[in-house]
Amino acid sequence: MRPPFRFPEDLVTLQRAWQQTYAELAQAPAGTGTTVLRRRLITLSGNLCTHPHWAAPAAWRAGGVELRHAARTHTSTPAEGQAAA
């Protein structure tokens, strides 16, 4: 069995913001101004992909699903060297 992934709290917060923005965009009625939501989603996507946690070569592929799950369940474990909040 694989050990659980540990994500920094700021990374989980970024993912939660991305998911919330995506949900808001999906709920927006057709023809309404969605530019602000689309721009926020693009910015959050860039911040997620360039987060220092993903510095390892295959880290995104290895932990992306687990990060989305952690953000949905609003749980995360502190990364090594970080104290629990």
N, C-alpha and C. Protein backbone atom coordinates (compact mmCIF):
# COMPACT_ATOMS: atom_id res chain seq x y z
N MET A 1 0.84 -1.18 0.00
CA MET A 1 0.00 0.00 0.00
C MET A 1 0.88 1.24 0.00
N ARG A 2 0.48 2.22 -0.78
CA ARG A 2 1.22 3.46 -0.92
C ARG A 2 1.00 4.35 0.30
N PRO A 3 2.06 5.02 0.80
CA PRO A 3 1.86 5.93 1.92
C PRO A 3 1.01 7.13 1.49
N PRO A 4 0.28 7.75 2.42
CA PRO A 4 -0.56 8.89 2.05
C PRO A 4 0.28 10.08 1.60
N PHE A 5 -0.27 10.86 0.70
CA PHE A 5 0.41 12.06 0.24
C PHE A 5 0.26 13.14 1.30
N ARG A 6 1.28 13.97 1.39
CA ARG A 6 1.25 15.12 2.30
C ARG A 6 1.35 16.37 1.45
N PHE A 7 0.41 17.26 1.62
CA PHE A 7 0.40 18.49 0.86
C PHE A 7 0.49 19.69 1.79
N PRO A 8 1.23 20.71 1.36
CA PRO A 8 1.27 21.94 2.15
C PRO A 8 -0.13 22.57 2.18
N GLU A 9 -0.47 23.19 3.28
CA GLU A 9 -1.81 23.77 3.44
C GLU A 9 -2.11 24.81 2.35
N ASP A 10 -1.10 25.60 1.95
CA ASP A 10 -1.37 26.60 0.91
C ASP A 10 -1.70 25.96 -0.43
N LEU A 11 -1.17 24.79 -0.70
CA LEU A 11 -1.48 24.08 -1.94
C LEU A 11 -2.91 23.55 -1.90
N VAL A 12 -3.33 23.02 -0.77
CA VAL A 12 -4.71 22.55 -0.62
C VAL A 12 -5.68 23.73 -0.74
N THR A 13 -5.31 24.86 -0.14
CA THR A 13 -6.15 26.06 -0.23
C THR A 13 -6.27 26.52 -1.68
N LEU A 14 -5.17 26.50 -2.42
CA LEU A 14 -5.22 26.85 -3.85
C LEU A 14 -6.15 25.92 -4.62
N GLN A 15 -6.05 24.63 -4.35
CA GLN A 15 -6.90 23.66 -5.04
C GLN A 15 -8.37 23.87 -4.69
N ARG A 16 -8.66 24.16 -3.43
CA ARG A 16 -10.04 24.43 -3.03
C ARG A 16 -10.57 25.67 -3.73
N ALA A 17 -9.76 26.71 -3.85
CA ALA A 17 -10.17 27.92 -4.55
C ALA A 17 -10.43 27.62 -6.03
N TRP A 18 -9.59 26.79 -6.63
CA TRP A 18 -9.77 26.41 -8.03
C TRP A 18 -11.09 25.67 -8.21
N GLN A 19 -11.37 24.71 -7.33
CA GLN A 19 -12.61 23.94 -7.42
C GLN A 19 -13.84 24.82 -7.21
N GLN A 20 -13.76 25.77 -6.28
CA GLN A 20 -14.86 26.69 -6.03
C GLN A 20 -15.11 27.57 -7.25
N THR A 21 -14.04 28.10 -7.83
CA THR A 21 -14.16 28.96 -9.01
C THR A 21 -14.74 28.17 -10.18
N TYR A 22 -14.28 26.95 -10.36
CA TYR A 22 -14.79 26.10 -11.43
C TYR A 22 -16.28 25.85 -11.25
N ALA A 23 -16.70 25.58 -10.02
CA ALA A 23 -18.12 25.35 -9.73
C ALA A 23 -18.94 26.60 -10.01
N GLU A 24 -18.43 27.77 -9.63
CA GLU A 24 -19.13 29.02 -9.90
C GLU A 24 -19.27 29.25 -11.40
N LEU A 25 -18.22 28.96 -12.14
CA LEU A 25 -18.25 29.12 -13.59
C LEU A 25 -19.26 28.16 -14.21
N ALA A 26 -19.32 26.94 -13.71
CA ALA A 26 -20.27 25.96 -14.24
C ALA A 26 -21.71 26.36 -13.94
N GLN A 27 -21.94 27.07 -12.84
CA GLN A 27 -23.28 27.49 -12.46
C GLN A 27 -23.72 28.79 -13.12
N ALA A 28 -22.79 29.53 -13.69
CA ALA A 28 -23.11 30.82 -14.28
C ALA A 28 -24.05 30.63 -15.48
N PRO A 29 -25.14 31.39 -15.52
CA PRO A 29 -26.06 31.28 -16.66
C PRO A 29 -25.38 31.68 -17.96
N ALA A 30 -25.84 31.07 -19.05
CA ALA A 30 -25.29 31.40 -20.37
C ALA A 30 -25.54 32.87 -20.67
N GLY A 31 -24.57 33.50 -21.26
CA GLY A 31 -24.70 34.90 -21.64
C GLY A 31 -24.32 35.89 -20.56
N THR A 32 -24.00 35.39 -19.36
CA THR A 32 -23.58 36.33 -18.31
C THR A 32 -22.08 36.54 -18.42
N GLY A 33 -21.62 37.60 -17.85
CA GLY A 33 -20.19 37.90 -17.88
C GLY A 33 -19.40 36.93 -17.01
N THR A 34 -18.65 36.07 -17.64
CA THR A 34 -17.86 35.08 -16.90
C THR A 34 -16.36 35.36 -17.01
N THR A 35 -16.02 36.51 -17.55
CA THR A 35 -14.61 36.83 -17.77
C THR A 35 -13.82 36.80 -16.48
N VAL A 36 -14.37 37.38 -15.42
CA VAL A 36 -13.66 37.43 -14.14
C VAL A 36 -13.40 36.02 -13.62
N LEU A 37 -14.42 35.15 -13.70
CA LEU A 37 -14.24 33.78 -13.24
C LEU A 37 -13.23 33.03 -14.09
N ARG A 38 -13.27 33.21 -15.39
CA ARG A 38 -12.32 32.54 -16.29
C ARG A 38 -10.89 32.99 -16.01
N ARG A 39 -10.72 34.28 -15.80
CA ARG A 39 -9.38 34.80 -15.51
C ARG A 39 -8.87 34.28 -14.18
N ARG A 40 -9.76 34.22 -13.18
CA ARG A 40 -9.36 33.70 -11.88
C ARG A 40 -8.96 32.23 -12.01
N LEU A 41 -9.71 31.46 -12.79
CA LEU A 41 -9.39 30.05 -13.00
C LEU A 41 -8.04 29.88 -13.67
N ILE A 42 -7.74 30.70 -14.64
CA ILE A 42 -6.44 30.65 -15.32
C ILE A 42 -5.31 30.98 -14.34
N THR A 43 -5.51 32.02 -13.54
CA THR A 43 -4.49 32.41 -12.56
C THR A 43 -4.27 31.30 -11.54
N LEU A 44 -5.36 30.74 -11.02
CA LEU A 44 -5.24 29.66 -10.04
C LEU A 44 -4.57 28.44 -10.65
N SER A 45 -4.89 28.13 -11.90
CA SER A 45 -4.27 26.99 -12.58
C SER A 45 -2.76 27.17 -12.68
N GLY A 46 -2.34 28.38 -13.04
CA GLY A 46 -0.91 28.68 -13.12
C GLY A 46 -0.24 28.55 -11.77
N ASN A 47 -0.89 29.07 -10.73
CA ASN A 47 -0.33 28.99 -9.38
C ASN A 47 -0.24 27.54 -8.89
N LEU A 48 -1.24 26.74 -9.23
CA LEU A 48 -1.22 25.33 -8.84
C LEU A 48 -0.07 24.59 -9.53
N CYS A 49 0.05 24.79 -10.81
CA CYS A 49 1.05 24.04 -11.59
C CYS A 49 2.48 24.45 -11.28
N THR A 50 2.67 25.67 -10.83
CA THR A 50 4.02 26.15 -10.56
C THR A 50 4.36 26.18 -9.07
N HIS A 51 3.51 25.60 -8.25
CA HIS A 51 3.76 25.56 -6.81
C HIS A 51 5.05 24.77 -6.55
N PRO A 52 5.89 25.21 -5.63
CA PRO A 52 7.15 24.53 -5.34
C PRO A 52 7.00 23.05 -4.95
N HIS A 53 5.84 22.67 -4.46
CA HIS A 53 5.62 21.27 -4.09
C HIS A 53 5.81 20.33 -5.28
N TRP A 54 5.54 20.81 -6.47
CA TRP A 54 5.62 19.98 -7.67
C TRP A 54 7.00 19.99 -8.30
N ALA A 55 8.02 20.40 -7.58
CA ALA A 55 9.38 20.48 -8.14
C ALA A 55 9.92 19.12 -8.58
N ALA A 56 9.48 18.05 -7.95
CA ALA A 56 9.92 16.70 -8.37
C ALA A 56 9.39 16.43 -9.78
N PRO A 57 10.15 15.72 -10.61
CA PRO A 57 9.79 15.52 -12.02
C PRO A 57 8.38 15.00 -12.27
N ALA A 58 7.90 14.03 -11.54
CA ALA A 58 6.58 13.46 -11.82
C ALA A 58 5.60 13.72 -10.69
N ALA A 59 5.84 14.72 -9.88
CA ALA A 59 5.02 14.95 -8.70
C ALA A 59 3.57 15.26 -9.07
N TRP A 60 3.33 16.05 -10.10
CA TRP A 60 1.94 16.39 -10.45
C TRP A 60 1.16 15.15 -10.84
N ARG A 61 1.74 14.33 -11.68
CA ARG A 61 1.04 13.11 -12.09
C ARG A 61 0.81 12.18 -10.91
N ALA A 62 1.76 12.15 -10.00
CA ALA A 62 1.66 11.25 -8.87
C ALA A 62 0.68 11.74 -7.81
N GLY A 63 0.52 13.04 -7.65
CA GLY A 63 -0.27 13.53 -6.53
C GLY A 63 -1.47 14.39 -6.88
N GLY A 64 -1.71 14.64 -8.15
CA GLY A 64 -2.80 15.53 -8.54
C GLY A 64 -4.16 15.04 -8.09
N VAL A 65 -4.45 13.77 -8.29
CA VAL A 65 -5.74 13.22 -7.89
C VAL A 65 -5.90 13.28 -6.38
N GLU A 66 -4.86 12.93 -5.66
CA GLU A 66 -4.92 12.97 -4.21
C GLU A 66 -5.11 14.40 -3.70
N LEU A 67 -4.50 15.38 -4.36
CA LEU A 67 -4.68 16.77 -3.97
C LEU A 67 -6.13 17.19 -4.15
N ARG A 68 -6.72 16.85 -5.28
CA ARG A 68 -8.12 17.22 -5.52
C ARG A 68 -9.02 16.55 -4.47
N HIS A 69 -8.72 15.31 -4.13
CA HIS A 69 -9.50 14.62 -3.10
C HIS A 69 -9.32 15.31 -1.74
N ALA A 70 -8.10 15.65 -1.38
CA ALA A 70 -7.84 16.32 -0.10
C ALA A 70 -8.57 17.66 -0.04
N ALA A 71 -8.61 18.38 -1.14
CA ALA A 71 -9.29 19.67 -1.16
C ALA A 71 -10.80 19.49 -1.02
N ARG A 72 -11.35 18.44 -1.65
CA ARG A 72 -12.79 18.19 -1.54
C ARG A 72 -13.17 17.79 -0.13
N THR A 73 -12.36 16.98 0.50
CA THR A 73 -12.68 16.51 1.84
C THR A 73 -12.21 17.47 2.92
N HIS A 74 -11.51 18.53 2.48
CA HIS A 74 -11.01 19.58 3.37
C HIS A 74 -10.08 19.02 4.44
N THR A 75 -9.30 18.04 4.09
CA THR A 75 -8.31 17.50 5.01
C THR A 75 -6.96 17.51 4.35
N SER A 76 -5.97 17.67 5.13
CA SER A 76 -4.60 17.53 4.65
C SER A 76 -3.74 17.21 5.85
N THR A 77 -2.62 16.62 5.59
CA THR A 77 -1.67 16.35 6.66
C THR A 77 -0.51 17.29 6.44
N PRO A 78 0.10 17.77 7.50
CA PRO A 78 1.22 18.69 7.33
C PRO A 78 2.38 18.03 6.60
N ALA A 79 3.02 18.79 5.76
CA ALA A 79 4.20 18.30 5.06
C ALA A 79 5.31 18.11 6.08
N GLU A 80 6.27 17.29 5.73
CA GLU A 80 7.38 17.06 6.63
C GLU A 80 8.04 18.38 6.98
N GLY A 81 8.34 18.58 8.22
CA GLY A 81 9.00 19.80 8.65
C GLY A 81 8.02 20.92 9.00
N GLN A 82 6.71 20.71 8.77
CA GLN A 82 5.73 21.73 9.11
C GLN A 82 4.91 21.25 10.29
N ALA A 83 4.59 22.15 11.17
CA ALA A 83 3.76 21.81 12.32
C ALA A 83 2.31 21.81 11.90
N ALA A 84 1.51 20.99 12.57
CA ALA A 84 0.07 20.98 12.29
C ALA A 84 -0.52 22.29 12.79
N ALA A 85 -1.50 22.80 12.03
CA ALA A 85 -2.13 24.08 12.42
C ALA A 85 -3.16 23.87 13.48
